[in-house]
PDB file of all heavy atoms in Angstrom:
ATOM      1  N   ALA A   1       0.831  -1.208   0.000  1.00  0.00           N
ATOM      2  CA  ALA A   1       0.000   0.000   0.000  1.00  0.00           C
ATOM      3  C   ALA A   1       0.870   1.264   0.000  1.00  0.00           C
ATOM      4  O   ALA A   1       0.604   2.217  -0.749  1.00  0.00           O
ATOM      5  CB  ALA A   1      -0.925  -0.004   1.211  1.00  0.00           C
ATOM      6  N   ILE A   2       1.930   1.263   0.818  1.00  0.00           N
ATOM      7  CA  ILE A   2       2.827   2.424   0.879  1.00  0.00           C
ATOM      8  C   ILE A   2       3.498   2.661  -0.470  1.00  0.00           C
ATOM      9  O   ILE A   2       3.552   3.787  -0.977  1.00  0.00           O
ATOM     10  CB  ILE A   2       3.895   2.226   1.978  1.00  0.00           C
ATOM     11  CG1 ILE A   2       3.247   2.270   3.363  1.00  0.00           C
ATOM     12  CG2 ILE A   2       4.990   3.278   1.876  1.00  0.00           C
ATOM     13  CD1 ILE A   2       4.169   1.840   4.487  1.00  0.00           C
ATOM     14  N   ILE A   3       4.023   1.583  -1.064  1.00  0.00           N
ATOM     15  CA  ILE A   3       4.749   1.718  -2.340  1.00  0.00           C
ATOM     16  C   ILE A   3       3.825   2.169  -3.463  1.00  0.00           C
ATOM     17  O   ILE A   3       4.186   3.034  -4.281  1.00  0.00           O
ATOM     18  CB  ILE A   3       5.433   0.380  -2.701  1.00  0.00           C
ATOM     19  CG1 ILE A   3       6.548   0.075  -1.701  1.00  0.00           C
ATOM     20  CG2 ILE A   3       5.995   0.414  -4.118  1.00  0.00           C
ATOM     21  CD1 ILE A   3       7.142  -1.315  -1.810  1.00  0.00           C
ATOM     22  N   MET A   4       2.620   1.615  -3.511  1.00  0.00           N
ATOM     23  CA  MET A   4       1.702   1.934  -4.612  1.00  0.00           C
ATOM     24  C   MET A   4       1.060   3.311  -4.475  1.00  0.00           C
ATOM     25  O   MET A   4       0.614   3.883  -5.466  1.00  0.00           O
ATOM     26  CB  MET A   4       0.620   0.856  -4.724  1.00  0.00           C
ATOM     27  CG  MET A   4       1.150  -0.471  -5.244  1.00  0.00           C
ATOM     28  SD  MET A   4      -0.131  -1.676  -5.630  1.00  0.00           S
ATOM     29  CE  MET A   4      -0.703  -2.118  -3.988  1.00  0.00           C
ATOM     30  N   THR A   5       0.993   3.861  -3.251  1.00  0.00           N
ATOM     31  CA  THR A   5       0.328   5.154  -3.056  1.00  0.00           C
ATOM     32  C   THR A   5       1.288   6.335  -3.010  1.00  0.00           C
ATOM     33  O   THR A   5       0.859   7.485  -3.141  1.00  0.00           O
ATOM     34  CB  THR A   5      -0.494   5.151  -1.747  1.00  0.00           C
ATOM     35  OG1 THR A   5       0.364   4.793  -0.645  1.00  0.00           O
ATOM     36  CG2 THR A   5      -1.651   4.163  -1.843  1.00  0.00           C
ATOM     37  N   ASP A   6       2.582   6.068  -2.840  1.00  0.00           N
ATOM     38  CA  ASP A   6       3.550   7.168  -2.755  1.00  0.00           C
ATOM     39  C   ASP A   6       4.307   7.313  -4.076  1.00  0.00           C
ATOM     40  O   ASP A   6       5.074   6.416  -4.437  1.00  0.00           O
ATOM     41  CB  ASP A   6       4.534   6.925  -1.605  1.00  0.00           C
ATOM     42  CG  ASP A   6       5.335   8.173  -1.270  1.00  0.00           C
ATOM     43  OD1 ASP A   6       6.062   8.670  -2.160  1.00  0.00           O
ATOM     44  OD2 ASP A   6       5.229   8.655  -0.131  1.00  0.00           O
ATOM     45  N   PRO A   7       4.137   8.424  -4.791  1.00  0.00           N
ATOM     46  CA  PRO A   7       4.800   8.608  -6.099  1.00  0.00           C
ATOM     47  C   PRO A   7       6.322   8.608  -6.004  1.00  0.00           C
ATOM     48  O   PRO A   7       7.004   8.243  -6.965  1.00  0.00           O
ATOM     49  CB  PRO A   7       4.282   9.978  -6.560  1.00  0.00           C
ATOM     50  CG  PRO A   7       3.059  10.237  -5.746  1.00  0.00           C
ATOM     51  CD  PRO A   7       3.276   9.548  -4.433  1.00  0.00           C
ATOM     52  N   GLN A   8       6.865   9.011  -4.850  1.00  0.00           N
ATOM     53  CA  GLN A   8       8.319   9.083  -4.707  1.00  0.00           C
ATOM     54  C   GLN A   8       8.970   7.698  -4.628  1.00  0.00           C
ATOM     55  O   GLN A   8      10.185   7.571  -4.734  1.00  0.00           O
ATOM     56  CB  GLN A   8       8.671   9.911  -3.471  1.00  0.00           C
ATOM     57  CG  GLN A   8       8.279  11.370  -3.597  1.00  0.00           C
ATOM     58  CD  GLN A   8       8.800  12.223  -2.457  1.00  0.00           C
ATOM     59  OE1 GLN A   8       9.877  11.975  -1.918  1.00  0.00           O
ATOM     60  NE2 GLN A   8       8.032  13.239  -2.076  1.00  0.00           N
ATOM     61  N   LEU A   9       8.144   6.686  -4.411  1.00  0.00           N
ATOM     62  CA  LEU A   9       8.662   5.311  -4.381  1.00  0.00           C
ATOM     63  C   LEU A   9       8.460   4.600  -5.718  1.00  0.00           C
ATOM     64  O   LEU A   9       8.562   3.379  -5.796  1.00  0.00           O
ATOM     65  CB  LEU A   9       7.995   4.511  -3.256  1.00  0.00           C
ATOM     66  CG  LEU A   9       8.213   5.031  -1.831  1.00  0.00           C
ATOM     67  CD1 LEU A   9       7.548   4.118  -0.817  1.00  0.00           C
ATOM     68  CD2 LEU A   9       9.699   5.191  -1.512  1.00  0.00           C
ATOM     69  N   ASN A  10       8.183   5.378  -6.742  1.00  0.00           N
ATOM     70  CA  ASN A  10       7.983   4.804  -8.082  1.00  0.00           C
ATOM     71  C   ASN A  10       9.335   4.610  -8.763  1.00  0.00           C
ATOM     72  O   ASN A  10       9.673   5.253  -9.756  1.00  0.00           O
ATOM     73  CB  ASN A  10       7.080   5.734  -8.909  1.00  0.00           C
ATOM     74  CG  ASN A  10       6.693   5.118 -10.246  1.00  0.00           C
ATOM     75  OD1 ASN A  10       6.746   3.897 -10.420  1.00  0.00           O
ATOM     76  ND2 ASN A  10       6.351   5.961 -11.201  1.00  0.00           N
ATOM     77  N   THR A  11      10.133   3.685  -8.206  1.00  0.00           N
ATOM     78  CA  THR A  11      11.465   3.389  -8.719  1.00  0.00           C
ATOM     79  C   THR A  11      11.608   1.877  -8.887  1.00  0.00           C
ATOM     80  O   THR A  11      10.822   1.108  -8.310  1.00  0.00           O
ATOM     81  CB  THR A  11      12.554   3.892  -7.747  1.00  0.00           C
ATOM     82  OG1 THR A  11      12.440   3.155  -6.509  1.00  0.00           O
ATOM     83  CG2 THR A  11      12.412   5.379  -7.461  1.00  0.00           C
ATOM     84  N   PRO A  12      12.602   1.429  -9.663  1.00  0.00           N
ATOM     85  CA  PRO A  12      12.781  -0.023  -9.850  1.00  0.00           C
ATOM     86  C   PRO A  12      12.935  -0.797  -8.551  1.00  0.00           C
ATOM     87  O   PRO A  12      12.359  -1.875  -8.386  1.00  0.00           O
ATOM     88  CB  PRO A  12      14.060  -0.099 -10.688  1.00  0.00           C
ATOM     89  CG  PRO A  12      14.086   1.176 -11.450  1.00  0.00           C
ATOM     90  CD  PRO A  12      13.516   2.201 -10.520  1.00  0.00           C
ATOM     91  N   MET A  13      13.684  -0.242  -7.600  1.00  0.00           N
ATOM     92  CA  MET A  13      13.917  -0.939  -6.334  1.00  0.00           C
ATOM     93  C   MET A  13      12.600  -1.234  -5.614  1.00  0.00           C
ATOM     94  O   MET A  13      12.381  -2.346  -5.119  1.00  0.00           O
ATOM     95  CB  MET A  13      14.819  -0.084  -5.440  1.00  0.00           C
ATOM     96  CG  MET A  13      15.019  -0.658  -4.041  1.00  0.00           C
ATOM     97  SD  MET A  13      16.076   0.414  -3.045  1.00  0.00           S
ATOM     98  CE  MET A  13      15.866  -0.330  -1.423  1.00  0.00           C
ATOM     99  N   TYR A  14      11.717  -0.261  -5.591  1.00  0.00           N
ATOM    100  CA  TYR A  14      10.449  -0.448  -4.876  1.00  0.00           C
ATOM    101  C   TYR A  14       9.418  -1.220  -5.704  1.00  0.00           C
ATOM    102  O   TYR A  14       8.502  -1.815  -5.149  1.00  0.00           O
ATOM    103  CB  TYR A  14       9.909   0.911  -4.410  1.00  0.00           C
ATOM    104  CG  TYR A  14      10.806   1.505  -3.364  1.00  0.00           C
ATOM    105  CD1 TYR A  14      11.666   2.558  -3.671  1.00  0.00           C
ATOM    106  CD2 TYR A  14      10.859   0.966  -2.083  1.00  0.00           C
ATOM    107  CE1 TYR A  14      12.524   3.077  -2.713  1.00  0.00           C
ATOM    108  CE2 TYR A  14      11.720   1.472  -1.125  1.00  0.00           C
ATOM    109  CZ  TYR A  14      12.547   2.526  -1.441  1.00  0.00           C
ATOM    110  OH  TYR A  14      13.408   3.015  -0.496  1.00  0.00           O
ATOM    111  N   PHE A  15       9.598  -1.219  -6.999  1.00  0.00           N
ATOM    112  CA  PHE A  15       8.782  -2.087  -7.848  1.00  0.00           C
ATOM    113  C   PHE A  15       9.079  -3.548  -7.521  1.00  0.00           C
ATOM    114  O   PHE A  15       8.166  -4.368  -7.360  1.00  0.00           O
ATOM    115  CB  PHE A  15       9.082  -1.793  -9.324  1.00  0.00           C
ATOM    116  CG  PHE A  15       8.404  -2.734 -10.290  1.00  0.00           C
ATOM    117  CD1 PHE A  15       7.031  -2.704 -10.476  1.00  0.00           C
ATOM    118  CD2 PHE A  15       9.158  -3.654 -11.012  1.00  0.00           C
ATOM    119  CE1 PHE A  15       6.410  -3.577 -11.363  1.00  0.00           C
ATOM    120  CE2 PHE A  15       8.547  -4.525 -11.904  1.00  0.00           C
ATOM    121  CZ  PHE A  15       7.169  -4.481 -12.081  1.00  0.00           C
ATOM    122  N   PHE A  16      10.373  -3.864  -7.393  1.00  0.00           N
ATOM    123  CA  PHE A  16      10.763  -5.224  -7.001  1.00  0.00           C
ATOM    124  C   PHE A  16      10.292  -5.536  -5.578  1.00  0.00           C
ATOM    125  O   PHE A  16       9.819  -6.644  -5.295  1.00  0.00           O
ATOM    126  CB  PHE A  16      12.282  -5.387  -7.090  1.00  0.00           C
ATOM    127  CG  PHE A  16      12.834  -5.370  -8.483  1.00  0.00           C
ATOM    128  CD1 PHE A  16      13.912  -4.553  -8.817  1.00  0.00           C
ATOM    129  CD2 PHE A  16      12.294  -6.164  -9.480  1.00  0.00           C
ATOM    130  CE1 PHE A  16      14.425  -4.536 -10.099  1.00  0.00           C
ATOM    131  CE2 PHE A  16      12.795  -6.162 -10.768  1.00  0.00           C
ATOM    132  CZ  PHE A  16      13.869  -5.343 -11.087  1.00  0.00           C
ATOM    133  N   LEU A  17      10.429  -4.574  -4.692  1.00  0.00           N
ATOM    134  CA  LEU A  17      10.039  -4.785  -3.301  1.00  0.00           C
ATOM    135  C   LEU A  17       8.539  -5.022  -3.169  1.00  0.00           C
ATOM    136  O   LEU A  17       8.101  -5.849  -2.356  1.00  0.00           O
ATOM    137  CB  LEU A  17      10.450  -3.577  -2.454  1.00  0.00           C
ATOM    138  CG  LEU A  17      10.157  -3.648  -0.956  1.00  0.00           C
ATOM    139  CD1 LEU A  17      10.749  -4.915  -0.343  1.00  0.00           C
ATOM    140  CD2 LEU A  17      10.694  -2.407  -0.248  1.00  0.00           C
ATOM    141  N   CYS A  18       7.754  -4.331  -3.975  1.00  0.00           N
ATOM    142  CA  CYS A  18       6.297  -4.532  -3.967  1.00  0.00           C
ATOM    143  C   CYS A  18       5.960  -5.961  -4.399  1.00  0.00           C
ATOM    144  O   CYS A  18       5.091  -6.617  -3.804  1.00  0.00           O
ATOM    145  CB  CYS A  18       5.634  -3.516  -4.904  1.00  0.00           C
ATOM    146  SG  CYS A  18       3.828  -3.501  -4.822  1.00  0.00           S
ATOM    147  N   ASN A  19       6.665  -6.446  -5.421  1.00  0.00           N
ATOM    148  CA  ASN A  19       6.447  -7.828  -5.864  1.00  0.00           C
ATOM    149  C   ASN A  19       6.922  -8.833  -4.824  1.00  0.00           C
ATOM    150  O   ASN A  19       6.310  -9.888  -4.656  1.00  0.00           O
ATOM    151  CB  ASN A  19       7.168  -8.068  -7.195  1.00  0.00           C
ATOM    152  CG  ASN A  19       6.384  -7.570  -8.384  1.00  0.00           C
ATOM    153  OD1 ASN A  19       5.490  -8.248  -8.882  1.00  0.00           O
ATOM    154  ND2 ASN A  19       6.694  -6.354  -8.831  1.00  0.00           N
ATOM    155  N   LEU A  20       8.003  -8.498  -4.109  1.00  0.00           N
ATOM    156  CA  LEU A  20       8.490  -9.371  -3.043  1.00  0.00           C
ATOM    157  C   LEU A  20       7.433  -9.506  -1.943  1.00  0.00           C
ATOM    158  O   LEU A  20       7.176 -10.610  -1.446  1.00  0.00           O
ATOM    159  CB  LEU A  20       9.789  -8.818  -2.465  1.00  0.00           C
ATOM    160  CG  LEU A  20      10.427  -9.635  -1.335  1.00  0.00           C
ATOM    161  CD1 LEU A  20      10.921 -10.982  -1.852  1.00  0.00           C
ATOM    162  CD2 LEU A  20      11.572  -8.861  -0.682  1.00  0.00           C
ATOM    163  N   SER A  21       6.795  -8.396  -1.581  1.00  0.00           N
ATOM    164  CA  SER A  21       5.739  -8.428  -0.560  1.00  0.00           C
ATOM    165  C   SER A  21       4.543  -9.244  -1.033  1.00  0.00           C
ATOM    166  O   SER A  21       3.941  -9.995  -0.259  1.00  0.00           O
ATOM    167  CB  SER A  21       5.300  -7.003  -0.223  1.00  0.00           C
ATOM    168  OG  SER A  21       6.313  -6.315   0.466  1.00  0.00           O
ATOM    169  N   PHE A  22       4.210  -9.110  -2.314  1.00  0.00           N
ATOM    170  CA  PHE A  22       3.105  -9.885  -2.889  1.00  0.00           C
ATOM    171  C   PHE A  22       3.393 -11.383  -2.798  1.00  0.00           C
ATOM    172  O   PHE A  22       2.538 -12.177  -2.387  1.00  0.00           O
ATOM    173  CB  PHE A  22       2.892  -9.469  -4.343  1.00  0.00           C
ATOM    174  CG  PHE A  22       1.862 -10.286  -5.076  1.00  0.00           C
ATOM    175  CD1 PHE A  22       0.519 -10.008  -4.952  1.00  0.00           C
ATOM    176  CD2 PHE A  22       2.251 -11.339  -5.899  1.00  0.00           C
ATOM    177  CE1 PHE A  22      -0.444 -10.764  -5.625  1.00  0.00           C
ATOM    178  CE2 PHE A  22       1.311 -12.098  -6.575  1.00  0.00           C
ATOM    179  CZ  PHE A  22      -0.038 -11.809  -6.434  1.00  0.00           C
ATOM    180  N   ILE A  23       4.613 -11.773  -3.158  1.00  0.00           N
ATOM    181  CA  ILE A  23       5.008 -13.186  -3.121  1.00  0.00           C
ATOM    182  C   ILE A  23       4.997 -13.712  -1.688  1.00  0.00           C
ATOM    183  O   ILE A  23       4.466 -14.794  -1.411  1.00  0.00           O
ATOM    184  CB  ILE A  23       6.400 -13.373  -3.758  1.00  0.00           C
ATOM    185  CG1 ILE A  23       6.324 -13.127  -5.269  1.00  0.00           C
ATOM    186  CG2 ILE A  23       6.954 -14.769  -3.485  1.00  0.00           C
ATOM    187  CD1 ILE A  23       7.673 -12.998  -5.942  1.00  0.00           C
ATOM    188  N   ASP A  24       5.580 -12.941  -0.762  1.00  0.00           N
ATOM    189  CA  ASP A  24       5.612 -13.355   0.642  1.00  0.00           C
ATOM    190  C   ASP A  24       4.200 -13.547   1.192  1.00  0.00           C
ATOM    191  O   ASP A  24       3.929 -14.504   1.929  1.00  0.00           O
ATOM    192  CB  ASP A  24       6.345 -12.316   1.491  1.00  0.00           C
ATOM    193  CG  ASP A  24       7.848 -12.398   1.345  1.00  0.00           C
ATOM    194  OD1 ASP A  24       8.336 -13.442   0.876  1.00  0.00           O
ATOM    195  OD2 ASP A  24       8.544 -11.428   1.695  1.00  0.00           O
ATOM    196  N   LEU A  25       3.319 -12.631   0.837  1.00  0.00           N
ATOM    197  CA  LEU A  25       1.934 -12.699   1.312  1.00  0.00           C
ATOM    198  C   LEU A  25       1.254 -13.974   0.832  1.00  0.00           C
ATOM    199  O   LEU A  25       0.593 -14.681   1.612  1.00  0.00           O
ATOM    200  CB  LEU A  25       1.174 -11.467   0.813  1.00  0.00           C
ATOM    201  CG  LEU A  25      -0.318 -11.398   1.127  1.00  0.00           C
ATOM    202  CD1 LEU A  25      -0.554 -11.299   2.621  1.00  0.00           C
ATOM    203  CD2 LEU A  25      -0.960 -10.207   0.415  1.00  0.00           C
ATOM    204  N   PHE A  26       1.441 -14.308  -0.428  1.00  0.00           N
ATOM    205  CA  PHE A  26       0.708 -15.432  -0.993  1.00  0.00           C
ATOM    206  C   PHE A  26       1.304 -16.783  -0.639  1.00  0.00           C
ATOM    207  O   PHE A  26       0.571 -17.740  -0.415  1.00  0.00           O
ATOM    208  CB  PHE A  26       0.556 -15.270  -2.511  1.00  0.00           C
ATOM    209  CG  PHE A  26      -0.646 -14.450  -2.873  1.00  0.00           C
ATOM    210  CD1 PHE A  26      -0.570 -13.062  -2.931  1.00  0.00           C
ATOM    211  CD2 PHE A  26      -1.877 -15.041  -3.116  1.00  0.00           C
ATOM    212  CE1 PHE A  26      -1.677 -12.292  -3.231  1.00  0.00           C
ATOM    213  CE2 PHE A  26      -2.993 -14.285  -3.427  1.00  0.00           C
ATOM    214  CZ  PHE A  26      -2.902 -12.910  -3.479  1.00  0.00           C
ATOM    215  N   TYR A  27       2.648 -16.895  -0.582  1.00  0.00           N
ATOM    216  CA  TYR A  27       3.139 -18.242  -0.268  1.00  0.00           C
ATOM    217  C   TYR A  27       2.961 -18.577   1.206  1.00  0.00           C
ATOM    218  O   TYR A  27       2.814 -19.747   1.558  1.00  0.00           O
ATOM    219  CB  TYR A  27       4.551 -18.493  -0.793  1.00  0.00           C
ATOM    220  CG  TYR A  27       5.746 -18.056  -0.003  1.00  0.00           C
ATOM    221  CD1 TYR A  27       6.089 -18.650   1.206  1.00  0.00           C
ATOM    222  CD2 TYR A  27       6.616 -17.091  -0.515  1.00  0.00           C
ATOM    223  CE1 TYR A  27       7.220 -18.283   1.895  1.00  0.00           C
ATOM    224  CE2 TYR A  27       7.761 -16.721   0.167  1.00  0.00           C
ATOM    225  CZ  TYR A  27       8.049 -17.313   1.375  1.00  0.00           C
ATOM    226  OH  TYR A  27       9.180 -16.946   2.047  1.00  0.00           O
ATOM    227  N   SER A  28       2.911 -17.572   2.073  1.00  0.00           N
ATOM    228  CA  SER A  28       2.567 -17.859   3.465  1.00  0.00           C
ATOM    229  C   SER A  28       1.086 -18.196   3.597  1.00  0.00           C
ATOM    230  O   SER A  28       0.694 -19.017   4.441  1.00  0.00           O
ATOM    231  CB  SER A  28       2.922 -16.676   4.366  1.00  0.00           C
ATOM    232  OG  SER A  28       2.222 -15.508   3.963  1.00  0.00           O
ATOM    233  N   SER A  29       0.262 -17.598   2.726  1.00  0.00           N
ATOM    234  CA  SER A  29      -1.183 -17.884   2.748  1.00  0.00           C
ATOM    235  C   SER A  29      -1.503 -19.275   2.215  1.00  0.00           C
ATOM    236  O   SER A  29      -2.563 -19.830   2.516  1.00  0.00           O
ATOM    237  CB  SER A  29      -1.937 -16.829   1.922  1.00  0.00           C
ATOM    238  OG  SER A  29      -1.777 -15.545   2.484  1.00  0.00           O
ATOM    239  N   VAL A  30      -0.602 -19.843   1.446  1.00  0.00           N
ATOM    240  CA  VAL A  30      -0.775 -21.218   0.971  1.00  0.00           C
ATOM    241  C   VAL A  30      -0.624 -22.207   2.128  1.00  0.00           C
ATOM    242  O   VAL A  30      -1.258 -23.268   2.138  1.00  0.00           O
ATOM    243  CB  VAL A  30       0.256 -21.526  -0.145  1.00  0.00           C
ATOM    244  CG1 VAL A  30       0.256 -23.006  -0.498  1.00  0.00           C
ATOM    245  CG2 VAL A  30      -0.038 -20.698  -1.390  1.00  0.00           C
ATOM    246  N   ILE A  31       0.193 -21.834   3.127  1.00  0.00           N
ATOM    247  CA  ILE A  31       0.547 -22.746   4.214  1.00  0.00           C
ATOM    248  C   ILE A  31      -0.235 -22.479   5.496  1.00  0.00           C
ATOM    249  O   ILE A  31      -0.820 -23.396   6.097  1.00  0.00           O
ATOM    250  CB  ILE A  31       2.058 -22.652   4.520  1.00  0.00           C
ATOM    251  CG1 ILE A  31       2.892 -22.892   3.245  1.00  0.00           C
ATOM    252  CG2 ILE A  31       2.441 -23.634   5.616  1.00  0.00           C
ATOM    253  CD1 ILE A  31       2.710 -24.230   2.606  1.00  0.00           C
ATOM    254  N   ALA A  32      -0.237 -21.236   5.964  1.00  0.00           N
ATOM    255  CA  ALA A  32      -0.693 -20.914   7.322  1.00  0.00           C
ATOM    256  C   ALA A  32      -2.158 -21.252   7.604  1.00  0.00           C
ATOM    257  O   ALA A  32      -2.448 -21.871   8.642  1.00  0.00           O
ATOM    258  CB  ALA A  32      -0.415 -19.440   7.621  1.00  0.00           C
ATOM    259  N   PRO A  33      -3.120 -20.852   6.762  1.00  0.00           N
ATOM    260  CA  PRO A  33      -4.526 -21.123   7.102  1.00  0.00           C
ATOM    261  C   PRO A  33      -4.826 -22.610   7.315  1.00  0.00           C
ATOM    262  O   PRO A  33      -5.497 -22.977   8.283  1.00  0.00           O
ATOM    263  CB  PRO A  33      -5.296 -20.556   5.900  1.00  0.00           C
ATOM    264  CG  PRO A  33      -4.396 -19.503   5.343  1.00  0.00           C
ATOM    265  CD  PRO A  33      -3.018 -20.033   5.533  1.00  0.00           C
ATOM    266  N   LYS A  34      -4.307 -23.459   6.426  1.00  0.00           N
ATOM    267  CA  LYS A  34      -4.545 -24.898   6.566  1.00  0.00           C
ATOM    268  C   LYS A  34      -3.880 -25.435   7.823  1.00  0.00           C
ATOM    269  O   LYS A  34      -4.454 -26.288   8.528  1.00  0.00           O
ATOM    270  CB  LYS A  34      -4.019 -25.633   5.324  1.00  0.00           C
ATOM    271  CG  LYS A  34      -4.248 -27.150   5.347  1.00  0.00           C
ATOM    272  CD  LYS A  34      -5.717 -27.498   5.418  1.00  0.00           C
ATOM    273  CE  LYS A  34      -5.941 -28.989   5.441  1.00  0.00           C
ATOM    274  NZ  LYS A  34      -7.360 -29.342   5.649  1.00  0.00           N
ATOM    275  N   ALA A  35      -2.665 -24.959   8.129  1.00  0.00           N
ATOM    276  CA  ALA A  35      -1.969 -25.417   9.340  1.00  0.00           C
ATOM    277  C   ALA A  35      -2.754 -25.027  10.594  1.00  0.00           C
ATOM    278  O   ALA A  35      -2.868 -25.821  11.538  1.00  0.00           O
ATOM    279  CB  ALA A  35      -0.566 -24.812   9.384  1.00  0.00           C
ATOM    280  N   MET A  36      -3.325 -23.819  10.599  1.00  0.00           N
ATOM    281  CA  MET A  36      -4.093 -23.374  11.767  1.00  0.00           C
ATOM    282  C   MET A  36      -5.395 -24.162  11.916  1.00  0.00           C
ATOM    283  O   MET A  36      -5.798 -24.502  13.029  1.00  0.00           O
ATOM    284  CB  MET A  36      -4.374 -21.877  11.664  1.00  0.00           C
ATOM    285  CG  MET A  36      -3.138 -21.017  11.896  1.00  0.00           C
ATOM    286  SD  MET A  36      -3.508 -19.257  12.049  1.00  0.00           S
ATOM    287  CE  MET A  36      -3.942 -18.839  10.358  1.00  0.00           C
ATOM    288  N   ILE A  37      -6.028 -24.470  10.794  1.00  0.00           N
ATOM    289  CA  ILE A  37      -7.254 -25.283  10.842  1.00  0.00           C
ATOM    290  C   ILE A  37      -6.955 -26.657  11.429  1.00  0.00           C
ATOM    291  O   ILE A  37      -7.730 -27.193  12.239  1.00  0.00           O
ATOM    292  CB  ILE A  37      -7.867 -25.413   9.432  1.00  0.00           C
ATOM    293  CG1 ILE A  37      -8.452 -24.076   8.974  1.00  0.00           C
ATOM    294  CG2 ILE A  37      -8.945 -26.499   9.391  1.00  0.00           C
ATOM    295  CD1 ILE A  37      -8.863 -24.042   7.513  1.00  0.00           C
ATOM    296  N   ASN A  38      -5.808 -27.227  11.055  1.00  0.00           N
ATOM    297  CA  ASN A  38      -5.460 -28.579  11.507  1.00  0.00           C
ATOM    298  C   ASN A  38      -5.159 -28.665  13.006  1.00  0.00           C
ATOM    299  O   ASN A  38      -5.208 -29.746  13.584  1.00  0.00           O
ATOM    300  CB  ASN A  38      -4.271 -29.122  10.706  1.00  0.00           C
ATOM    301  CG  ASN A  38      -4.691 -29.625   9.343  1.00  0.00           C
ATOM    302  OD1 ASN A  38      -5.877 -29.752   9.058  1.00  0.00           O
ATOM    303  ND2 ASN A  38      -3.730 -29.903   8.487  1.00  0.00           N
ATOM    304  N   PHE A  39      -4.837 -27.522  13.625  1.00  0.00           N
ATOM    305  CA  PHE A  39      -4.642 -27.545  15.078  1.00  0.00           C
ATOM    306  C   PHE A  39      -5.945 -27.880  15.811  1.00  0.00           C
ATOM    307  O   PHE A  39      -5.928 -28.393  16.917  1.00  0.00           O
ATOM    308  CB  PHE A  39      -4.106 -26.201  15.571  1.00  0.00           C
ATOM    309  CG  PHE A  39      -2.649 -25.982  15.279  1.00  0.00           C
ATOM    310  CD1 PHE A  39      -2.221 -24.853  14.611  1.00  0.00           C
ATOM    311  CD2 PHE A  39      -1.696 -26.919  15.661  1.00  0.00           C
ATOM    312  CE1 PHE A  39      -0.875 -24.639  14.341  1.00  0.00           C
ATOM    313  CE2 PHE A  39      -0.346 -26.730  15.397  1.00  0.00           C
ATOM    314  CZ  PHE A  39       0.062 -25.584  14.726  1.00  0.00           C
ATOM    315  N   TRP A  40      -7.079 -27.570  15.173  1.00  0.00           N
ATOM    316  CA  TRP A  40      -8.383 -27.812  15.794  1.00  0.00           C
ATOM    317  C   TRP A  40      -9.118 -28.988  15.165  1.00  0.00           C
ATOM    318  O   TRP A  40     -10.167 -29.401  15.648  1.00  0.00           O
ATOM    319  CB  TRP A  40      -9.260 -26.556  15.677  1.00  0.00           C
ATOM    320  CG  TRP A  40      -8.648 -25.371  16.342  1.00  0.00           C
ATOM    321  CD1 TRP A  40      -8.019 -24.325  15.733  1.00  0.00           C
ATOM    322  CD2 TRP A  40      -8.560 -25.116  17.750  1.00  0.00           C
ATOM    323  NE1 TRP A  40      -7.558 -23.442  16.655  1.00  0.00           N
ATOM    324  CE2 TRP A  40      -7.877 -23.894  17.916  1.00  0.00           C
ATOM    325  CE3 TRP A  40      -8.992 -25.806  18.887  1.00  0.00           C
ATOM    326  CZ2 TRP A  40      -7.617 -23.344  19.164  1.00  0.00           C
ATOM    327  CZ3 TRP A  40      -8.729 -25.248  20.142  1.00  0.00           C
ATOM    328  CH2 TRP A  40      -8.055 -24.042  20.267  1.00  0.00           C
ATOM    329  N   SER A  41      -8.572 -29.514  14.075  1.00  0.00           N
ATOM    330  CA  SER A  41      -9.250 -30.596  13.359  1.00  0.00           C
ATOM    331  C   SER A  41      -8.869 -31.959  13.932  1.00  0.00           C
ATOM    332  O   SER A  41      -7.711 -32.199  14.294  1.00  0.00           O
ATOM    333  CB  SER A  41      -8.875 -30.539  11.872  1.00  0.00           C
ATOM    334  OG  SER A  41      -9.339 -31.672  11.183  1.00  0.00           O
ATOM    335  N   GLU A  42      -9.836 -32.842  13.991  1.00  0.00           N
ATOM    336  CA  GLU A  42      -9.590 -34.213  14.446  1.00  0.00           C
ATOM    337  C   GLU A  42      -8.919 -35.035  13.342  1.00  0.00           C
ATOM    338  O   GLU A  42      -8.003 -35.808  13.576  1.00  0.00           O
ATOM    339  CB  GLU A  42     -10.906 -34.872  14.875  1.00  0.00           C
ATOM    340  CG  GLU A  42     -11.498 -34.321  16.161  1.00  0.00           C
ATOM    341  CD  GLU A  42     -10.666 -34.646  17.388  1.00  0.00           C
ATOM    342  OE1 GLU A  42      -9.991 -35.689  17.384  1.00  0.00           O
ATOM    343  OE2 GLU A  42     -10.680 -33.856  18.345  1.00  0.00           O
TER     344      GLU A  42
END
């Protein structure tokens, strides 16, 4: 949100960083929700 809303961060470094955050968000979301459900599942 910070990178996409601030024009001064419209540089290659922050373009890569925005994609890094996107990747981190999604690959943790592939694992964490199912793992948390299994703590309560029989």
